[in-house]
Structures are given as structure tokens and as C-alpha cells.
Amino acid sequence: MYPVQHSTPRLSLRELTAEDVDGVLAIYGDPEATRHLSFEPRTREQVAALVRGAMVAASAEPRTEYSLAVTSQETGDLIGFARLAMDPHQQRAATLGFALRPDVWGQGRGVETVQAVLAIAFSQLDLHRVWAARSPANTVSEKTLLRAGLVEEGRIRQHVFVQGAWRDSVTYGIVEEEWRAAL
């Protein structure tokens, strides 16, 4: 499905464009924004390659990855990045990831972003299940995922190698029936 677009009262999710490199770099290049992510801060060249790859993936058939810009309805600025990747090991399932610029943290935009991605997953893509993972140290992400309706499912031990060490991931999931019941 292309293009993906979804709006909430404060946010819009849309396909990435070549003009989004600096906006994504403000997140993926920031040590604070990436502190709990599965990778270290990225360079402008790495972010440019990521955006190019997302644009190519958007036209793939079948499409297996949805990398989306999260923009402010008020200013139009890119304030976040959201990703939904089809899970090749599960039927009608995907993994969800998101990151926001630190200057918009603490305003409920994380919950709004996750809820918008879930709306795309269940309403537009006809998925059955979405799951996400977080660093055990990222308690803000824990609250965000729970408020968005996901349920903690468990821990994957030594799941991610980042900053020179293996790190666990805490997993969360939601199925379509749970999402619809919460509407």
C-alpha cells in the first residue's frame, strides 16, 4: 500500500521523502534520542542511506516495511520516525518501532504515535498482531506502550548488541481484537 498517510489531532504520519534526512538526523543522530535504541547515533550519511532505503522499500511488491515520518500538525516539522516491519515468522503480523525528538518528549506524542501506527496496521493493512520491544532501562517506553494498549509479553535475553554489549529486550504485543475493543 502506497502512500500511507494517517492523521491524529496533533500528528501526521506520512511516507519519508529525500527532504526528511535532516529531520530524521535530529533523532537518529542525537545521543539522547538513541540512548535506549538498538543502535548508536548515526551519521548524516547513514541517515541519508536509511531514508533512501525506506523510499525504495515503499514501492516494493509486496511491501514489507513502512518507515514513516511523524510530523507536527501545527508546524509541519518532522518530530519523529515510526516503523512497521512485516514479521516473516508470523502471519499478518509486524514489529513496531518509533523514536521522537527529545524536545517533544513528555507531551503524550509517543502514545499518539504508537496509536496512529496501530490504526494503520489494523485498519489499513489488515494485520492481526503487532509487537514491539524496548530496552529494559527505557521505562518511559514501557509506559508509552502500555498506555497505547499493548501488553507486556516477556523478555528476549541478550537480544541486541549495542554499545559493545548484549542487551535484553522487553516485548509487548497487541492483537486486532484488543485494539478494536479499546476504540
N, C-alpha and C. Protein backbone atom coordinates (compact mmCIF):
# COMPACT_ATOMS: atom_id res chain seq x y z
N MET A 1 0.84 -1.17 0.00
CA MET A 1 0.00 0.00 0.00
C MET A 1 0.89 1.24 0.00
N TYR A 2 0.65 2.11 -0.95
CA TYR A 2 1.42 3.34 -1.07
C TYR A 2 0.51 4.42 -1.65
N PRO A 3 0.56 5.61 -1.18
CA PRO A 3 1.28 6.06 0.00
C PRO A 3 0.45 5.85 1.26
N VAL A 4 1.14 5.69 2.37
CA VAL A 4 0.49 5.59 3.67
C VAL A 4 0.41 7.00 4.24
N GLN A 5 -0.77 7.33 4.73
CA GLN A 5 -0.97 8.60 5.42
C GLN A 5 -2.00 8.39 6.51
N HIS A 6 -1.74 8.99 7.66
CA HIS A 6 -2.69 8.89 8.77
C HIS A 6 -2.51 10.13 9.64
N SER A 7 -3.61 10.71 10.05
CA SER A 7 -3.55 11.91 10.90
C SER A 7 -4.27 11.69 12.21
N THR A 8 -3.77 12.35 13.23
CA THR A 8 -4.39 12.42 14.54
C THR A 8 -4.58 13.91 14.82
N PRO A 9 -5.17 14.27 15.95
CA PRO A 9 -5.34 15.70 16.23
C PRO A 9 -4.03 16.51 16.21
N ARG A 10 -2.92 15.90 16.66
CA ARG A 10 -1.67 16.66 16.72
C ARG A 10 -0.59 16.20 15.75
N LEU A 11 -0.75 15.01 15.15
CA LEU A 11 0.32 14.43 14.34
C LEU A 11 -0.18 13.97 12.98
N SER A 12 0.75 13.89 12.05
CA SER A 12 0.51 13.23 10.77
C SER A 12 1.62 12.23 10.55
N LEU A 13 1.27 11.05 10.07
CA LEU A 13 2.25 10.06 9.67
C LEU A 13 2.19 9.99 8.15
N ARG A 14 3.35 10.03 7.51
CA ARG A 14 3.40 10.02 6.05
C ARG A 14 4.67 9.33 5.59
N GLU A 15 4.74 9.04 4.31
CA GLU A 15 5.93 8.44 3.72
C GLU A 15 7.12 9.39 3.86
N LEU A 16 8.30 8.83 4.01
CA LEU A 16 9.52 9.62 4.04
C LEU A 16 9.86 10.13 2.65
N THR A 17 10.48 11.30 2.59
CA THR A 17 10.97 11.85 1.34
C THR A 17 12.45 12.21 1.51
N ALA A 18 13.12 12.49 0.41
CA ALA A 18 14.54 12.86 0.46
C ALA A 18 14.76 14.11 1.31
N GLU A 19 13.76 14.96 1.42
CA GLU A 19 13.87 16.19 2.21
C GLU A 19 13.83 15.93 3.72
N ASP A 20 13.59 14.70 4.13
CA ASP A 20 13.47 14.37 5.55
C ASP A 20 14.78 13.97 6.22
N VAL A 21 15.88 13.96 5.48
CA VAL A 21 17.15 13.49 6.04
C VAL A 21 17.52 14.27 7.30
N ASP A 22 17.49 15.59 7.25
CA ASP A 22 17.89 16.38 8.42
C ASP A 22 16.93 16.18 9.59
N GLY A 23 15.65 16.03 9.30
CA GLY A 23 14.67 15.78 10.36
C GLY A 23 14.90 14.45 11.04
N VAL A 24 15.21 13.42 10.27
CA VAL A 24 15.50 12.11 10.86
C VAL A 24 16.83 12.16 11.60
N LEU A 25 17.80 12.89 11.05
CA LEU A 25 19.10 13.02 11.70
C LEU A 25 18.97 13.67 13.08
N ALA A 26 18.02 14.59 13.24
CA ALA A 26 17.80 15.24 14.54
C ALA A 26 17.39 14.21 15.60
N ILE A 27 16.92 13.07 15.16
CA ILE A 27 16.54 11.98 16.09
C ILE A 27 17.65 10.93 16.12
N TYR A 28 17.94 10.34 14.97
CA TYR A 28 18.88 9.22 14.89
C TYR A 28 20.34 9.62 15.07
N GLY A 29 20.64 10.90 15.00
CA GLY A 29 22.00 11.36 15.24
C GLY A 29 22.20 11.88 16.66
N ASP A 30 21.14 11.93 17.43
CA ASP A 30 21.17 12.50 18.77
C ASP A 30 21.45 11.41 19.81
N PRO A 31 22.53 11.56 20.59
CA PRO A 31 22.84 10.54 21.60
C PRO A 31 21.72 10.33 22.63
N GLU A 32 21.03 11.38 23.01
CA GLU A 32 19.93 11.23 23.98
C GLU A 32 18.76 10.48 23.36
N ALA A 33 18.41 10.82 22.12
CA ALA A 33 17.27 10.17 21.45
C ALA A 33 17.53 8.69 21.17
N THR A 34 18.79 8.32 20.98
CA THR A 34 19.13 6.93 20.64
C THR A 34 19.64 6.14 21.84
N ARG A 35 19.65 6.74 23.02
CA ARG A 35 20.24 6.10 24.21
C ARG A 35 19.68 4.70 24.45
N HIS A 36 18.39 4.50 24.23
CA HIS A 36 17.78 3.20 24.51
C HIS A 36 17.44 2.42 23.23
N LEU A 37 17.83 2.93 22.08
CA LEU A 37 17.52 2.23 20.83
C LEU A 37 18.53 1.12 20.58
N SER A 38 18.33 0.36 19.53
CA SER A 38 19.18 -0.80 19.26
C SER A 38 20.40 -0.45 18.43
N PHE A 39 20.73 0.83 18.32
CA PHE A 39 21.90 1.27 17.57
C PHE A 39 22.44 2.55 18.18
N GLU A 40 23.68 2.84 17.87
CA GLU A 40 24.32 4.07 18.35
C GLU A 40 23.97 5.21 17.41
N PRO A 41 24.19 6.46 17.81
CA PRO A 41 23.85 7.59 16.94
C PRO A 41 24.45 7.41 15.54
N ARG A 42 23.66 7.80 14.55
CA ARG A 42 24.06 7.63 13.16
C ARG A 42 24.54 8.94 12.56
N THR A 43 25.37 8.81 11.54
CA THR A 43 25.88 9.98 10.83
C THR A 43 24.85 10.44 9.79
N ARG A 44 25.07 11.62 9.23
CA ARG A 44 24.18 12.13 8.19
C ARG A 44 24.17 11.17 7.00
N GLU A 45 25.32 10.63 6.63
CA GLU A 45 25.39 9.70 5.50
C GLU A 45 24.58 8.43 5.79
N GLN A 46 24.67 7.93 7.01
CA GLN A 46 23.89 6.74 7.38
C GLN A 46 22.39 7.02 7.35
N VAL A 47 22.00 8.19 7.84
CA VAL A 47 20.58 8.55 7.83
C VAL A 47 20.10 8.74 6.40
N ALA A 48 20.91 9.37 5.56
CA ALA A 48 20.52 9.54 4.15
C ALA A 48 20.32 8.18 3.48
N ALA A 49 21.18 7.22 3.77
CA ALA A 49 21.03 5.88 3.22
C ALA A 49 19.76 5.21 3.76
N LEU A 50 19.48 5.41 5.03
CA LEU A 50 18.27 4.86 5.63
C LEU A 50 17.02 5.42 4.94
N VAL A 51 16.99 6.74 4.72
CA VAL A 51 15.84 7.37 4.08
C VAL A 51 15.71 6.86 2.64
N ARG A 52 16.82 6.77 1.91
CA ARG A 52 16.76 6.23 0.54
C ARG A 52 16.22 4.81 0.54
N GLY A 53 16.70 3.99 1.48
CA GLY A 53 16.23 2.61 1.59
C GLY A 53 14.74 2.54 1.90
N ALA A 54 14.28 3.43 2.76
CA ALA A 54 12.84 3.46 3.10
C ALA A 54 12.01 3.84 1.89
N MET A 55 12.52 4.76 1.08
CA MET A 55 11.79 5.18 -0.12
C MET A 55 11.72 4.03 -1.14
N VAL A 56 12.79 3.27 -1.27
CA VAL A 56 12.78 2.10 -2.16
C VAL A 56 11.82 1.04 -1.62
N ALA A 57 11.89 0.78 -0.30
CA ALA A 57 11.02 -0.23 0.31
C ALA A 57 9.55 0.13 0.17
N ALA A 58 9.25 1.43 0.10
CA ALA A 58 7.85 1.86 -0.01
C ALA A 58 7.22 1.42 -1.33
N SER A 59 8.03 1.20 -2.34
CA SER A 59 7.48 0.82 -3.64
C SER A 59 7.60 -0.68 -3.91
N ALA A 60 8.11 -1.43 -2.96
CA ALA A 60 8.29 -2.87 -3.14
C ALA A 60 6.94 -3.58 -3.19
N GLU A 61 6.88 -4.64 -3.94
CA GLU A 61 5.69 -5.50 -4.00
C GLU A 61 6.11 -6.93 -3.73
N PRO A 62 5.66 -7.56 -2.69
CA PRO A 62 4.81 -6.99 -1.66
C PRO A 62 5.63 -6.09 -0.75
N ARG A 63 4.97 -5.11 -0.18
CA ARG A 63 5.63 -4.18 0.72
C ARG A 63 5.77 -4.84 2.09
N THR A 64 6.98 -4.81 2.62
CA THR A 64 7.23 -5.45 3.91
C THR A 64 7.70 -4.48 4.98
N GLU A 65 7.90 -3.21 4.61
CA GLU A 65 8.39 -2.23 5.58
C GLU A 65 7.70 -0.88 5.34
N TYR A 66 7.27 -0.29 6.42
CA TYR A 66 6.63 1.03 6.40
C TYR A 66 7.40 1.93 7.33
N SER A 67 8.31 2.74 6.77
CA SER A 67 9.07 3.72 7.55
C SER A 67 8.42 5.07 7.30
N LEU A 68 7.93 5.68 8.36
CA LEU A 68 7.10 6.87 8.21
C LEU A 68 7.63 8.05 9.01
N ALA A 69 7.48 9.22 8.42
CA ALA A 69 7.78 10.46 9.12
C ALA A 69 6.60 10.78 10.03
N VAL A 70 6.90 11.20 11.24
CA VAL A 70 5.89 11.68 12.17
C VAL A 70 6.06 13.20 12.21
N THR A 71 5.02 13.92 11.78
CA THR A 71 5.13 15.37 11.71
C THR A 71 4.08 16.04 12.60
N SER A 72 4.41 17.24 13.01
CA SER A 72 3.50 18.04 13.83
C SER A 72 2.42 18.63 12.95
N GLN A 73 1.15 18.48 13.34
CA GLN A 73 0.05 19.10 12.59
C GLN A 73 0.18 20.62 12.64
N GLU A 74 0.67 21.14 13.74
CA GLU A 74 0.76 22.59 13.94
C GLU A 74 1.83 23.24 13.07
N THR A 75 3.04 22.62 13.05
CA THR A 75 4.17 23.25 12.35
C THR A 75 4.56 22.56 11.05
N GLY A 76 4.18 21.31 10.89
CA GLY A 76 4.61 20.52 9.73
C GLY A 76 6.00 19.94 9.90
N ASP A 77 6.67 20.24 11.01
CA ASP A 77 8.03 19.75 11.24
C ASP A 77 8.04 18.25 11.52
N LEU A 78 9.09 17.58 11.06
CA LEU A 78 9.30 16.18 11.38
C LEU A 78 9.76 16.11 12.83
N ILE A 79 8.97 15.43 13.66
CA ILE A 79 9.32 15.32 15.09
C ILE A 79 9.57 13.88 15.51
N GLY A 80 9.35 12.94 14.56
CA GLY A 80 9.54 11.55 14.92
C GLY A 80 9.66 10.66 13.71
N PHE A 81 9.94 9.41 14.01
CA PHE A 81 10.12 8.38 13.00
C PHE A 81 9.39 7.15 13.52
N ALA A 82 8.59 6.53 12.67
CA ALA A 82 7.88 5.31 13.06
C ALA A 82 8.11 4.25 12.01
N ARG A 83 8.18 3.00 12.45
CA ARG A 83 8.45 1.91 11.52
C ARG A 83 7.57 0.72 11.86
N LEU A 84 7.00 0.15 10.84
CA LEU A 84 6.23 -1.08 10.94
C LEU A 84 6.85 -2.04 9.94
N ALA A 85 7.38 -3.16 10.42
CA ALA A 85 8.04 -4.13 9.55
C ALA A 85 7.31 -5.46 9.65
N MET A 86 6.89 -5.97 8.52
CA MET A 86 6.19 -7.25 8.50
C MET A 86 7.09 -8.33 9.08
N ASP A 87 6.53 -9.17 9.91
CA ASP A 87 7.27 -10.24 10.57
C ASP A 87 7.21 -11.48 9.68
N PRO A 88 8.33 -11.91 9.12
CA PRO A 88 8.29 -13.07 8.22
C PRO A 88 7.99 -14.39 8.93
N HIS A 89 8.02 -14.39 10.26
CA HIS A 89 7.80 -15.61 11.03
C HIS A 89 6.39 -15.75 11.57
N GLN A 90 5.53 -14.76 11.30
CA GLN A 90 4.15 -14.79 11.78
C GLN A 90 3.21 -14.34 10.65
N GLN A 91 2.05 -14.89 10.63
CA GLN A 91 1.06 -14.49 9.63
C GLN A 91 0.41 -13.18 10.06
N ARG A 92 0.29 -12.24 9.10
CA ARG A 92 -0.40 -10.96 9.33
C ARG A 92 0.09 -10.27 10.61
N ALA A 93 1.41 -10.22 10.77
CA ALA A 93 1.99 -9.63 11.97
C ALA A 93 3.15 -8.71 11.57
N ALA A 94 3.43 -7.75 12.44
CA ALA A 94 4.52 -6.82 12.20
C ALA A 94 5.12 -6.36 13.52
N THR A 95 6.37 -5.88 13.45
CA THR A 95 7.02 -5.25 14.59
C THR A 95 6.90 -3.74 14.43
N LEU A 96 6.77 -3.08 15.55
CA LEU A 96 6.61 -1.63 15.58
C LEU A 96 7.80 -1.01 16.28
N GLY A 97 8.28 0.10 15.74
CA GLY A 97 9.32 0.86 16.39
C GLY A 97 9.05 2.34 16.20
N PHE A 98 9.53 3.16 17.11
CA PHE A 98 9.32 4.60 16.98
C PHE A 98 10.37 5.35 17.79
N ALA A 99 10.62 6.57 17.39
CA ALA A 99 11.53 7.46 18.13
C ALA A 99 11.09 8.89 17.87
N LEU A 100 11.18 9.71 18.90
CA LEU A 100 10.80 11.12 18.78
C LEU A 100 11.97 12.01 19.14
N ARG A 101 11.95 13.24 18.62
CA ARG A 101 12.95 14.23 19.01
C ARG A 101 12.82 14.50 20.51
N PRO A 102 13.93 14.62 21.22
CA PRO A 102 13.86 14.87 22.66
C PRO A 102 13.07 16.12 23.06
N ASP A 103 13.04 17.14 22.22
CA ASP A 103 12.33 18.36 22.61
C ASP A 103 10.81 18.20 22.61
N VAL A 104 10.28 17.07 22.11
CA VAL A 104 8.84 16.85 22.17
C VAL A 104 8.47 15.72 23.14
N TRP A 105 9.46 15.22 23.88
CA TRP A 105 9.18 14.19 24.88
C TRP A 105 8.30 14.77 25.99
N GLY A 106 7.54 13.89 26.63
CA GLY A 106 6.75 14.28 27.79
C GLY A 106 5.45 15.00 27.45
N GLN A 107 5.03 14.96 26.19
CA GLN A 107 3.81 15.64 25.76
C GLN A 107 2.73 14.67 25.28
N GLY A 108 2.94 13.36 25.47
CA GLY A 108 1.97 12.37 25.03
C GLY A 108 2.05 12.04 23.56
N ARG A 109 3.05 12.55 22.86
CA ARG A 109 3.16 12.30 21.42
C ARG A 109 3.64 10.89 21.12
N GLY A 110 4.33 10.26 22.06
CA GLY A 110 4.73 8.88 21.87
C GLY A 110 3.53 7.96 21.83
N VAL A 111 2.62 8.13 22.78
CA VAL A 111 1.39 7.33 22.81
C VAL A 111 0.59 7.59 21.53
N GLU A 112 0.48 8.85 21.15
CA GLU A 112 -0.28 9.21 19.94
C GLU A 112 0.36 8.59 18.70
N THR A 113 1.69 8.56 18.66
CA THR A 113 2.40 7.94 17.53
C THR A 113 2.11 6.45 17.46
N VAL A 114 2.25 5.77 18.60
CA VAL A 114 2.01 4.32 18.62
C VAL A 114 0.56 4.03 18.23
N GLN A 115 -0.37 4.78 18.77
CA GLN A 115 -1.78 4.56 18.42
C GLN A 115 -2.03 4.80 16.93
N ALA A 116 -1.36 5.78 16.34
CA ALA A 116 -1.52 6.04 14.91
C ALA A 116 -0.95 4.88 14.08
N VAL A 117 0.19 4.35 14.49
CA VAL A 117 0.78 3.21 13.78
C VAL A 117 -0.14 1.99 13.90
N LEU A 118 -0.72 1.79 15.08
CA LEU A 118 -1.65 0.67 15.25
C LEU A 118 -2.89 0.84 14.37
N ALA A 119 -3.38 2.06 14.22
CA ALA A 119 -4.52 2.31 13.34
C ALA A 119 -4.18 1.95 11.90
N ILE A 120 -2.98 2.29 11.47
CA ILE A 120 -2.54 1.92 10.12
C ILE A 120 -2.46 0.40 10.01
N ALA A 121 -1.85 -0.23 11.00
CA ALA A 121 -1.66 -1.69 10.98
C ALA A 121 -2.97 -2.45 10.90
N PHE A 122 -3.92 -2.05 11.73
CA PHE A 122 -5.16 -2.82 11.82
C PHE A 122 -6.24 -2.35 10.85
N SER A 123 -6.31 -1.07 10.57
CA SER A 123 -7.37 -0.55 9.69
C SER A 123 -6.99 -0.55 8.22
N GLN A 124 -5.72 -0.24 7.94
CA GLN A 124 -5.32 -0.12 6.53
C GLN A 124 -4.59 -1.35 6.00
N LEU A 125 -3.84 -2.01 6.86
CA LEU A 125 -3.03 -3.14 6.41
C LEU A 125 -3.62 -4.50 6.76
N ASP A 126 -4.73 -4.51 7.50
CA ASP A 126 -5.42 -5.75 7.86
C ASP A 126 -4.51 -6.73 8.60
N LEU A 127 -3.69 -6.22 9.50
CA LEU A 127 -2.84 -7.10 10.29
C LEU A 127 -3.64 -7.69 11.45
N HIS A 128 -3.13 -8.78 11.98
CA HIS A 128 -3.76 -9.43 13.12
C HIS A 128 -3.02 -9.11 14.43
N ARG A 129 -1.69 -8.95 14.34
CA ARG A 129 -0.88 -8.79 15.55
C ARG A 129 0.26 -7.82 15.29
N VAL A 130 0.54 -6.98 16.27
CA VAL A 130 1.69 -6.07 16.23
C VAL A 130 2.44 -6.23 17.54
N TRP A 131 3.76 -6.29 17.45
CA TRP A 131 4.56 -6.39 18.66
C TRP A 131 5.70 -5.38 18.62
N ALA A 132 6.21 -5.05 19.79
CA ALA A 132 7.28 -4.07 19.92
C ALA A 132 8.24 -4.56 21.01
N ALA A 133 9.45 -4.00 21.00
CA ALA A 133 10.43 -4.33 22.02
C ALA A 133 11.08 -3.04 22.51
N ARG A 134 11.49 -3.06 23.76
CA ARG A 134 12.16 -1.89 24.35
C ARG A 134 13.34 -2.35 25.19
N SER A 135 14.24 -1.43 25.44
CA SER A 135 15.34 -1.67 26.37
C SER A 135 14.76 -1.77 27.78
N PRO A 136 15.24 -2.69 28.59
CA PRO A 136 14.75 -2.76 29.97
C PRO A 136 14.93 -1.45 30.74
N ALA A 137 15.91 -0.65 30.38
CA ALA A 137 16.16 0.62 31.06
C ALA A 137 15.21 1.73 30.61
N ASN A 138 14.49 1.52 29.52
CA ASN A 138 13.63 2.57 28.98
C ASN A 138 12.22 2.48 29.58
N THR A 139 12.09 2.98 30.79
CA THR A 139 10.80 2.90 31.48
C THR A 139 9.76 3.85 30.87
N VAL A 140 10.20 4.91 30.21
CA VAL A 140 9.25 5.80 29.53
C VAL A 140 8.59 5.06 28.37
N SER A 141 9.37 4.29 27.63
CA SER A 141 8.80 3.50 26.53
C SER A 141 7.82 2.46 27.08
N GLU A 142 8.14 1.88 28.23
CA GLU A 142 7.23 0.93 28.87
C GLU A 142 5.86 1.58 29.09
N LYS A 143 5.86 2.77 29.69
CA LYS A 143 4.60 3.47 29.95
C LYS A 143 3.88 3.83 28.65
N THR A 144 4.63 4.24 27.66
CA THR A 144 4.05 4.61 26.37
C THR A 144 3.35 3.42 25.73
N LEU A 145 4.02 2.28 25.67
CA LEU A 145 3.44 1.10 25.03
C LEU A 145 2.21 0.61 25.79
N LEU A 146 2.28 0.61 27.12
CA LEU A 146 1.12 0.18 27.91
C LEU A 146 -0.06 1.14 27.72
N ARG A 147 0.19 2.44 27.74
CA ARG A 147 -0.89 3.42 27.54
C ARG A 147 -1.51 3.31 26.15
N ALA A 148 -0.70 2.89 25.18
CA ALA A 148 -1.20 2.74 23.81
C ALA A 148 -1.99 1.44 23.64
N GLY A 149 -2.01 0.58 24.67
CA GLY A 149 -2.84 -0.62 24.62
C GLY A 149 -2.09 -1.92 24.46
N LEU A 150 -0.77 -1.88 24.31
CA LEU A 150 -0.02 -3.11 24.20
C LEU A 150 0.12 -3.76 25.57
N VAL A 151 0.39 -5.05 25.57
CA VAL A 151 0.52 -5.85 26.79
C VAL A 151 1.93 -6.41 26.84
N GLU A 152 2.55 -6.34 28.02
CA GLU A 152 3.89 -6.94 28.15
C GLU A 152 3.79 -8.44 27.96
N GLU A 153 4.68 -8.97 27.12
CA GLU A 153 4.65 -10.40 26.82
C GLU A 153 5.85 -11.17 27.34
N GLY A 154 6.98 -10.50 27.53
CA GLY A 154 8.13 -11.23 28.02
C GLY A 154 9.44 -10.52 27.74
N ARG A 155 10.50 -11.28 27.87
CA ARG A 155 11.86 -10.75 27.72
C ARG A 155 12.62 -11.66 26.77
N ILE A 156 13.33 -11.03 25.84
CA ILE A 156 14.26 -11.76 24.98
C ILE A 156 15.66 -11.47 25.54
N ARG A 157 16.30 -12.51 26.03
CA ARG A 157 17.60 -12.33 26.67
C ARG A 157 18.69 -12.10 25.62
N GLN A 158 19.59 -11.17 25.93
CA GLN A 158 20.73 -10.83 25.07
C GLN A 158 20.29 -10.73 23.61
N HIS A 159 19.33 -9.91 23.37
CA HIS A 159 18.68 -9.76 22.07
C HIS A 159 19.40 -8.82 21.12
N VAL A 160 19.99 -7.74 21.67
CA VAL A 160 20.56 -6.68 20.84
C VAL A 160 22.00 -6.42 21.28
N PHE A 161 22.91 -6.34 20.30
CA PHE A 161 24.30 -5.97 20.60
C PHE A 161 24.45 -4.49 20.29
N VAL A 162 24.62 -3.68 21.33
CA VAL A 162 24.73 -2.23 21.16
C VAL A 162 25.70 -1.68 22.19
N GLN A 163 26.45 -0.69 21.79
CA GLN A 163 27.45 -0.05 22.66
C GLN A 163 28.40 -1.08 23.28
N GLY A 164 28.77 -2.06 22.47
CA GLY A 164 29.77 -3.05 22.88
C GLY A 164 29.30 -4.14 23.81
N ALA A 165 27.99 -4.28 24.01
CA ALA A 165 27.49 -5.31 24.93
C ALA A 165 26.12 -5.83 24.46
N TRP A 166 25.81 -7.03 24.90
CA TRP A 166 24.49 -7.59 24.62
C TRP A 166 23.49 -7.03 25.61
N ARG A 167 22.29 -6.73 25.12
CA ARG A 167 21.24 -6.16 25.94
C ARG A 167 19.95 -6.95 25.73
N ASP A 168 19.21 -7.16 26.80
CA ASP A 168 17.90 -7.79 26.70
C ASP A 168 16.90 -6.84 26.05
N SER A 169 15.77 -7.39 25.63
CA SER A 169 14.64 -6.58 25.17
C SER A 169 13.39 -7.08 25.88
N VAL A 170 12.53 -6.15 26.29
CA VAL A 170 11.24 -6.49 26.86
C VAL A 170 10.23 -6.33 25.74
N THR A 171 9.40 -7.35 25.54
CA THR A 171 8.47 -7.35 24.40
C THR A 171 7.03 -7.08 24.83
N TYR A 172 6.29 -6.48 23.89
CA TYR A 172 4.89 -6.11 24.08
C TYR A 172 4.14 -6.50 22.83
N GLY A 173 2.85 -6.78 22.95
CA GLY A 173 2.05 -7.10 21.78
C GLY A 173 0.61 -6.68 21.95
N ILE A 174 -0.05 -6.60 20.81
CA ILE A 174 -1.49 -6.31 20.76
C ILE A 174 -2.05 -7.01 19.54
N VAL A 175 -3.24 -7.57 19.68
CA VAL A 175 -3.92 -8.18 18.55
C VAL A 175 -5.11 -7.31 18.16
N GLU A 176 -5.57 -7.52 16.95
CA GLU A 176 -6.61 -6.67 16.39
C GLU A 176 -7.84 -6.56 17.29
N GLU A 177 -8.28 -7.69 17.86
CA GLU A 177 -9.48 -7.66 18.70
C GLU A 177 -9.29 -6.75 19.91
N GLU A 178 -8.11 -6.77 20.51
CA GLU A 178 -7.83 -5.90 21.66
C GLU A 178 -7.84 -4.43 21.24
N TRP A 179 -7.24 -4.16 20.08
CA TRP A 179 -7.19 -2.79 19.58
C TRP A 179 -8.61 -2.27 19.30
N ARG A 180 -9.41 -3.07 18.64
CA ARG A 180 -10.79 -2.64 18.32
C ARG A 180 -11.62 -2.45 19.59
N ALA A 181 -11.44 -3.31 20.58
CA ALA A 181 -12.19 -3.21 21.83
C ALA A 181 -11.86 -1.94 22.59
N ALA A 182 -10.66 -1.41 22.39
CA ALA A 182 -10.24 -0.20 23.11
C ALA A 182 -10.66 1.09 22.41
N LEU A 183 -11.19 0.98 21.20
CA LEU A 183 -11.59 2.19 20.45
C LEU A 183 -12.76 2.89 21.10
